[in-house]
């Protein structure tokens, strides 16, 4: 299956990147200790921060439409 738009023009500016975010559950105990564990089997998610320094309104709308219409594939 192909995507409607897969290579925005122009490409993202420098500074675009991905950072992992962890979902952790914590169980506090009364003696100032706690125990942490992952929250589910997919507790590490990848968060992308995309930025474009200069876009025309049409380019910005096309990228936003693509990002809002994309859904993750069903496994």
PDB file of N, CA and C in Angstrom:
ATOM      1  N   UNK A   1       0.846  -1.175   0.000  1.00  0.00           N
ATOM      2  CA  UNK A   1       0.000   0.000   0.000  1.00  0.00           C
ATOM      3  C   UNK A   1       0.890   1.236   0.000  1.00  0.00           C
ATOM      4  N   UNK A   2       0.632   2.161  -0.866  1.00  0.00           N
ATOM      5  CA  UNK A   2       1.446   3.365  -0.930  1.00  0.00           C
ATOM      6  C   UNK A   2       0.755   4.510  -0.192  1.00  0.00           C
ATOM      7  N   UNK A   3       1.572   5.434   0.252  1.00  0.00           N
ATOM      8  CA  UNK A   3       1.056   6.597   0.972  1.00  0.00           C
ATOM      9  C   UNK A   3       0.777   7.720  -0.021  1.00  0.00           C
ATOM     10  N   UNK A   4      -0.158   8.576   0.316  1.00  0.00           N
ATOM     11  CA  UNK A   4      -0.518   9.683  -0.566  1.00  0.00           C
ATOM     12  C   UNK A   4       0.657  10.634  -0.773  1.00  0.00           C
ATOM     13  N   UNK A   5       1.437  10.847   0.234  1.00  0.00           N
ATOM     14  CA  UNK A   5       2.576  11.763   0.177  1.00  0.00           C
ATOM     15  C   UNK A   5       3.644  11.194   1.095  1.00  0.00           C
ATOM     16  N   UNK A   6       4.836  10.991   0.602  1.00  0.00           N
ATOM     17  CA  UNK A   6       5.830  10.378   1.478  1.00  0.00           C
ATOM     18  C   UNK A   6       7.129  11.166   1.553  1.00  0.00           C
ATOM     19  N   UNK A   7       7.307  12.151   0.721  1.00  0.00           N
ATOM     20  CA  UNK A   7       8.534  12.942   0.759  1.00  0.00           C
ATOM     21  C   UNK A   7       8.171  14.411   0.627  1.00  0.00           C
ATOM     22  N   UNK A   8       7.968  15.095   1.746  1.00  0.00           N
ATOM     23  CA  UNK A   8       7.598  16.506   1.652  1.00  0.00           C
ATOM     24  C   UNK A   8       8.704  17.327   1.003  1.00  0.00           C
ATOM     25  N   UNK A   9       8.298  18.312   0.253  1.00  0.00           N
ATOM     26  CA  UNK A   9       9.263  19.181  -0.400  1.00  0.00           C
ATOM     27  C   UNK A   9       8.963  20.600   0.038  1.00  0.00           C
ATOM     28  N   UNK A  10       9.822  21.285   0.717  1.00  0.00           N
ATOM     29  CA  UNK A  10      11.174  20.913   1.084  1.00  0.00           C
ATOM     30  C   UNK A  10      11.203  19.964   2.285  1.00  0.00           C
ATOM     31  N   UNK A  11      12.328  19.289   2.462  1.00  0.00           N
ATOM     32  CA  UNK A  11      12.491  18.375   3.596  1.00  0.00           C
ATOM     33  C   UNK A  11      12.594  19.136   4.909  1.00  0.00           C
ATOM     34  N   UNK A  12      12.496  18.430   6.029  1.00  0.00           N
ATOM     35  CA  UNK A  12      12.594  19.073   7.341  1.00  0.00           C
ATOM     36  C   UNK A  12      13.937  19.783   7.544  1.00  0.00           C
ATOM     37  N   UNK A  13      13.936  20.793   8.372  1.00  0.00           N
ATOM     38  CA  UNK A  13      15.138  21.578   8.673  1.00  0.00           C
ATOM     39  C   UNK A  13      16.035  20.832   9.658  1.00  0.00           C
ATOM     40  N   UNK A  14      17.304  21.240   9.746  1.00  0.00           N
ATOM     41  CA  UNK A  14      18.174  20.665  10.774  1.00  0.00           C
ATOM     42  C   UNK A  14      17.566  20.897  12.160  1.00  0.00           C
ATOM     43  N   UNK A  15      17.775  19.950  13.046  1.00  0.00           N
ATOM     44  CA  UNK A  15      17.194  20.030  14.378  1.00  0.00           C
ATOM     45  C   UNK A  15      16.024  19.078  14.531  1.00  0.00           C
ATOM     46  N   UNK A  16      15.588  18.496  13.415  1.00  0.00           N
ATOM     47  CA  UNK A  16      14.539  17.497  13.457  1.00  0.00           C
ATOM     48  C   UNK A  16      15.129  16.234  14.064  1.00  0.00           C
ATOM     49  N   UNK A  17      14.394  15.592  14.925  1.00  0.00           N
ATOM     50  CA  UNK A  17      14.945  14.385  15.536  1.00  0.00           C
ATOM     51  C   UNK A  17      13.895  13.539  16.218  1.00  0.00           C
ATOM     52  N   UNK A  18      14.358  12.425  16.737  1.00  0.00           N
ATOM     53  CA  UNK A  18      13.487  11.462  17.389  1.00  0.00           C
ATOM     54  C   UNK A  18      14.051  11.169  18.768  1.00  0.00           C
ATOM     55  N   UNK A  19      13.175  11.091  19.741  1.00  0.00           N
ATOM     56  CA  UNK A  19      13.573  10.779  21.115  1.00  0.00           C
ATOM     57  C   UNK A  19      12.671   9.687  21.666  1.00  0.00           C
ATOM     58  N   UNK A  20      13.258   8.725  22.370  1.00  0.00           N
ATOM     59  CA  UNK A  20      12.414   7.707  22.988  1.00  0.00           C
ATOM     60  C   UNK A  20      11.741   8.259  24.247  1.00  0.00           C
ATOM     61  N   UNK A  21      10.500   7.871  24.474  1.00  0.00           N
ATOM     62  CA  UNK A  21       9.788   8.201  25.710  1.00  0.00           C
ATOM     63  C   UNK A  21       9.367   6.901  26.373  1.00  0.00           C
ATOM     64  N   UNK A  22       9.586   6.804  27.670  1.00  0.00           N
ATOM     65  CA  UNK A  22       9.273   5.599  28.425  1.00  0.00           C
ATOM     66  C   UNK A  22       7.992   5.778  29.224  1.00  0.00           C
ATOM     67  N   UNK A  23       7.164   4.739  29.221  1.00  0.00           N
ATOM     68  CA  UNK A  23       5.981   4.714  30.090  1.00  0.00           C
ATOM     69  C   UNK A  23       6.308   3.739  31.216  1.00  0.00           C
ATOM     70  N   UNK A  24       6.447   4.259  32.413  1.00  0.00           N
ATOM     71  CA  UNK A  24       6.858   3.468  33.566  1.00  0.00           C
ATOM     72  C   UNK A  24       5.798   3.578  34.662  1.00  0.00           C
ATOM     73  N   UNK A  25       5.462   2.453  35.273  1.00  0.00           N
ATOM     74  CA  UNK A  25       4.586   2.442  36.442  1.00  0.00           C
ATOM     75  C   UNK A  25       5.449   2.415  37.690  1.00  0.00           C
ATOM     76  N   UNK A  26       5.046   3.125  38.710  1.00  0.00           N
ATOM     77  CA  UNK A  26       5.801   3.183  39.954  1.00  0.00           C
ATOM     78  C   UNK A  26       4.894   2.827  41.126  1.00  0.00           C
ATOM     79  N   UNK A  27       5.394   1.957  41.997  1.00  0.00           N
ATOM     80  CA  UNK A  27       4.655   1.572  43.199  1.00  0.00           C
ATOM     81  C   UNK A  27       5.417   2.095  44.410  1.00  0.00           C
ATOM     82  N   UNK A  28       4.935   3.178  45.048  1.00  0.00           N
ATOM     83  CA  UNK A  28       5.630   3.719  46.218  1.00  0.00           C
ATOM     84  C   UNK A  28       5.359   2.878  47.471  1.00  0.00           C
ATOM     85  N   UNK A  29       6.383   2.752  48.281  1.00  0.00           N
ATOM     86  CA  UNK A  29       6.252   2.044  49.560  1.00  0.00           C
ATOM     87  C   UNK A  29       6.374   3.065  50.685  1.00  0.00           C
ATOM     88  N   UNK A  30       5.926   2.720  51.867  1.00  0.00           N
ATOM     89  CA  UNK A  30       5.902   3.648  52.988  1.00  0.00           C
ATOM     90  C   UNK A  30       7.266   4.026  53.517  1.00  0.00           C
ATOM     91  N   UNK A  31       8.313   3.301  53.160  1.00  0.00           N
ATOM     92  CA  UNK A  31       9.641   3.594  53.705  1.00  0.00           C
ATOM     93  C   UNK A  31      10.495   4.420  52.733  1.00  0.00           C
ATOM     94  N   UNK A  32       9.857   5.252  51.918  1.00  0.00           N
ATOM     95  CA  UNK A  32      10.510   6.137  50.958  1.00  0.00           C
ATOM     96  C   UNK A  32      11.191   5.377  49.826  1.00  0.00           C
ATOM     97  N   UNK A  33      10.817   4.133  49.611  1.00  0.00           N
ATOM     98  CA  UNK A  33      11.311   3.368  48.477  1.00  0.00           C
ATOM     99  C   UNK A  33      10.175   3.194  47.484  1.00  0.00           C
ATOM    100  N   UNK A  34      10.529   2.856  46.272  1.00  0.00           N
ATOM    101  CA  UNK A  34       9.514   2.581  45.265  1.00  0.00           C
ATOM    102  C   UNK A  34      10.050   1.535  44.302  1.00  0.00           C
ATOM    103  N   UNK A  35       9.142   0.922  43.571  1.00  0.00           N
ATOM    104  CA  UNK A  35       9.515  -0.066  42.578  1.00  0.00           C
ATOM    105  C   UNK A  35       8.902   0.344  41.253  1.00  0.00           C
ATOM    106  N   UNK A  36       9.712   0.351  40.204  1.00  0.00           N
ATOM    107  CA  UNK A  36       9.242   0.736  38.882  1.00  0.00           C
ATOM    108  C   UNK A  36       9.222  -0.486  37.976  1.00  0.00           C
ATOM    109  N   UNK A  37       8.307  -0.418  36.975  1.00  0.00           N
ATOM    110  CA  UNK A  37       8.265  -1.465  35.961  1.00  0.00           C
ATOM    111  C   UNK A  37       7.688  -0.868  34.681  1.00  0.00           C
ATOM    112  N   UNK A  38       7.985  -1.496  33.539  1.00  0.00           N
ATOM    113  CA  UNK A  38       7.429  -0.995  32.279  1.00  0.00           C
ATOM    114  C   UNK A  38       5.903  -1.068  32.277  1.00  0.00           C
ATOM    115  N   UNK A  39       5.264  -0.085  31.655  1.00  0.00           N
ATOM    116  CA  UNK A  39       3.803  -0.047  31.542  1.00  0.00           C
ATOM    117  C   UNK A  39       3.401  -0.686  30.214  1.00  0.00           C
ATOM    118  N   UNK A  40       3.317  -2.018  30.184  1.00  0.00           N
ATOM    119  CA  UNK A  40       2.904  -2.735  28.984  1.00  0.00           C
ATOM    120  C   UNK A  40       4.078  -3.226  28.160  1.00  0.00           C
ATOM    121  N   UNK A  41       3.759  -3.914  27.069  1.00  0.00           N
ATOM    122  CA  UNK A  41       4.831  -4.491  26.251  1.00  0.00           C
ATOM    123  C   UNK A  41       5.436  -3.468  25.297  1.00  0.00           C
ATOM    124  N   UNK A  42       4.732  -2.405  25.002  1.00  0.00           N
ATOM    125  CA  UNK A  42       5.259  -1.348  24.129  1.00  0.00           C
ATOM    126  C   UNK A  42       5.460  -0.075  24.943  1.00  0.00           C
ATOM    127  N   UNK A  43       6.284  -0.162  25.960  1.00  0.00           N
ATOM    128  CA  UNK A  43       6.445   0.961  26.887  1.00  0.00           C
ATOM    129  C   UNK A  43       7.449   2.005  26.396  1.00  0.00           C
ATOM    130  N   UNK A  44       8.172   1.708  25.328  1.00  0.00           N
ATOM    131  CA  UNK A  44       9.093   2.696  24.751  1.00  0.00           C
ATOM    132  C   UNK A  44       8.487   3.152  23.431  1.00  0.00           C
ATOM    133  N   UNK A  45       8.176   4.441  23.334  1.00  0.00           N
ATOM    134  CA  UNK A  45       7.644   4.941  22.076  1.00  0.00           C
ATOM    135  C   UNK A  45       8.609   5.968  21.510  1.00  0.00           C
ATOM    136  N   UNK A  46       8.598   6.069  20.221  1.00  0.00           N
ATOM    137  CA  UNK A  46       9.471   6.990  19.511  1.00  0.00           C
ATOM    138  C   UNK A  46       8.695   8.270  19.219  1.00  0.00           C
ATOM    139  N   UNK A  47       9.185   9.393  19.688  1.00  0.00           N
ATOM    140  CA  UNK A  47       8.521  10.681  19.479  1.00  0.00           C
ATOM    141  C   UNK A  47       9.373  11.502  18.515  1.00  0.00           C
ATOM    142  N   UNK A  48       8.771  11.868  17.400  1.00  0.00           N
ATOM    143  CA  UNK A  48       9.471  12.659  16.385  1.00  0.00           C
ATOM    144  C   UNK A  48       9.106  14.129  16.529  1.00  0.00           C
ATOM    145  N   UNK A  49      10.095  14.971  16.490  1.00  0.00           N
ATOM    146  CA  UNK A  49       9.884  16.421  16.487  1.00  0.00           C
ATOM    147  C   UNK A  49      10.363  16.936  15.135  1.00  0.00           C
ATOM    148  N   UNK A  50       9.409  17.344  14.331  1.00  0.00           N
ATOM    149  CA  UNK A  50       9.713  17.806  12.978  1.00  0.00           C
ATOM    150  C   UNK A  50       9.558  19.311  12.924  1.00  0.00           C
ATOM    151  N   UNK A  51      10.481  19.948  12.207  1.00  0.00           N
ATOM    152  CA  UNK A  51      10.347  21.404  12.060  1.00  0.00           C
ATOM    153  C   UNK A  51      10.795  21.823  10.670  1.00  0.00           C
ATOM    154  N   UNK A  52      10.120  22.809  10.160  1.00  0.00           N
ATOM    155  CA  UNK A  52      10.466  23.416   8.887  1.00  0.00           C
ATOM    156  C   UNK A  52      10.615  24.905   9.159  1.00  0.00           C
ATOM    157  N   UNK A  53      11.731  25.466   8.726  1.00  0.00           N
ATOM    158  CA  UNK A  53      11.989  26.885   8.980  1.00  0.00           C
ATOM    159  C   UNK A  53      11.238  27.800   8.011  1.00  0.00           C
ATOM    160  N   UNK A  54      11.077  27.381   6.769  1.00  0.00           N
ATOM    161  CA  UNK A  54      10.429  28.256   5.785  1.00  0.00           C
ATOM    162  C   UNK A  54       9.537  27.434   4.871  1.00  0.00           C
ATOM    163  N   UNK A  55       8.234  27.643   4.976  1.00  0.00           N
ATOM    164  CA  UNK A  55       7.264  26.964   4.121  1.00  0.00           C
ATOM    165  C   UNK A  55       6.255  27.973   3.600  1.00  0.00           C
ATOM    166  N   UNK A  56       5.761  27.701   2.412  1.00  0.00           N
ATOM    167  CA  UNK A  56       4.634  28.492   1.926  1.00  0.00           C
ATOM    168  C   UNK A  56       3.378  27.942   2.609  1.00  0.00           C
ATOM    169  N   UNK A  57       2.299  28.705   2.667  1.00  0.00           N
ATOM    170  CA  UNK A  57       1.076  28.185   3.270  1.00  0.00           C
ATOM    171  C   UNK A  57       0.594  26.886   2.600  1.00  0.00           C
ATOM    172  N   UNK A  58       0.748  26.760   1.283  1.00  0.00           N
ATOM    173  CA  UNK A  58       0.334  25.544   0.580  1.00  0.00           C
ATOM    174  C   UNK A  58       1.164  24.336   0.994  1.00  0.00           C
ATOM    175  N   UNK A  59       2.486  24.521   1.133  1.00  0.00           N
ATOM    176  CA  UNK A  59       3.356  23.431   1.582  1.00  0.00           C
ATOM    177  C   UNK A  59       2.998  23.011   3.010  1.00  0.00           C
ATOM    178  N   UNK A  60       2.764  23.983   3.868  1.00  0.00           N
ATOM    179  CA  UNK A  60       2.411  23.687   5.264  1.00  0.00           C
ATOM    180  C   UNK A  60       1.092  22.911   5.326  1.00  0.00           C
ATOM    181  N   UNK A  61       0.108  23.318   4.529  1.00  0.00           N
ATOM    182  CA  UNK A  61      -1.180  22.616   4.514  1.00  0.00           C
ATOM    183  C   UNK A  61      -1.027  21.186   4.014  1.00  0.00           C
ATOM    184  N   UNK A  62      -0.210  20.972   2.976  1.00  0.00           N
ATOM    185  CA  UNK A  62      -0.014  19.623   2.429  1.00  0.00           C
ATOM    186  C   UNK A  62       0.640  18.712   3.462  1.00  0.00           C
ATOM    187  N   UNK A  63       1.643  19.213   4.159  1.00  0.00           N
ATOM    188  CA  UNK A  63       2.318  18.402   5.185  1.00  0.00           C
ATOM    189  C   UNK A  63       1.368  18.113   6.341  1.00  0.00           C
ATOM    190  N   UNK A  64       0.632  19.126   6.789  1.00  0.00           N
ATOM    191  CA  UNK A  64      -0.309  18.915   7.895  1.00  0.00           C
ATOM    192  C   UNK A  64      -1.404  17.919   7.505  1.00  0.00           C
ATOM    193  N   UNK A  65      -1.930  18.029   6.291  1.00  0.00           N
ATOM    194  CA  UNK A  65      -2.961  17.080   5.832  1.00  0.00           C
ATOM    195  C   UNK A  65      -2.422  15.655   5.830  1.00  0.00           C
ATOM    196  N   UNK A  66      -1.190  15.486   5.367  1.00  0.00           N
ATOM    197  CA  UNK A  66      -0.587  14.157   5.346  1.00  0.00           C
ATOM    198  C   UNK A  66      -0.416  13.610   6.760  1.00  0.00           C
ATOM    199  N   UNK A  67       0.120  14.419   7.672  1.00  0.00           N
ATOM    200  CA  UNK A  67       0.351  13.959   9.045  1.00  0.00           C
ATOM    201  C   UNK A  67      -0.964  13.608   9.748  1.00  0.00           C
ATOM    202  N   UNK A  68      -2.013  14.352   9.488  1.00  0.00           N
ATOM    203  CA  UNK A  68      -3.283  14.099  10.158  1.00  0.00           C
ATOM    204  C   UNK A  68      -4.040  12.919   9.545  1.00  0.00           C
ATOM    205  N   UNK A  69      -3.740  12.549   8.303  1.00  0.00           N
ATOM    206  CA  UNK A  69      -4.475  11.465   7.653  1.00  0.00           C
ATOM    207  C   UNK A  69      -3.790  10.112   7.827  1.00  0.00           C
ATOM    208  N   UNK A  70      -2.529  10.089   8.219  1.00  0.00           N
ATOM    209  CA  UNK A  70      -1.792   8.834   8.343  1.00  0.00           C
ATOM    210  C   UNK A  70      -2.233   8.077   9.578  1.00  0.00           C
ATOM    211  N   UNK A  71      -2.448   6.780   9.433  1.00  0.00           N
ATOM    212  CA  UNK A  71      -2.731   5.917  10.580  1.00  0.00           C
ATOM    213  C   UNK A  71      -1.755   4.748  10.556  1.00  0.00           C
ATOM    214  N   UNK A  72      -1.453   4.241  11.703  1.00  0.00           N
ATOM    215  CA  UNK A  72      -0.515   3.134  11.813  1.00  0.00           C
ATOM    216  C   UNK A  72      -1.105   1.885  11.157  1.00  0.00           C
ATOM    217  N   UNK A  73      -0.259   1.079  10.512  1.00  0.00           N
ATOM    218  CA  UNK A  73      -0.767  -0.148   9.912  1.00  0.00           C
ATOM    219  C   UNK A  73      -1.230  -1.132  10.980  1.00  0.00           C
ATOM    220  N   UNK A  74      -2.249  -1.882  10.675  1.00  0.00           N
ATOM    221  CA  UNK A  74      -2.753  -2.899  11.611  1.00  0.00           C
ATOM    222  C   UNK A  74      -1.913  -4.152  11.480  1.00  0.00           C
ATOM    223  N   UNK A  75      -1.475  -4.678  12.598  1.00  0.00           N
ATOM    224  CA  UNK A  75      -0.641  -5.878  12.567  1.00  0.00           C
ATOM    225  C   UNK A  75      -1.472  -7.121  12.725  1.00  0.00           C
TER     226      UNK A  75
END
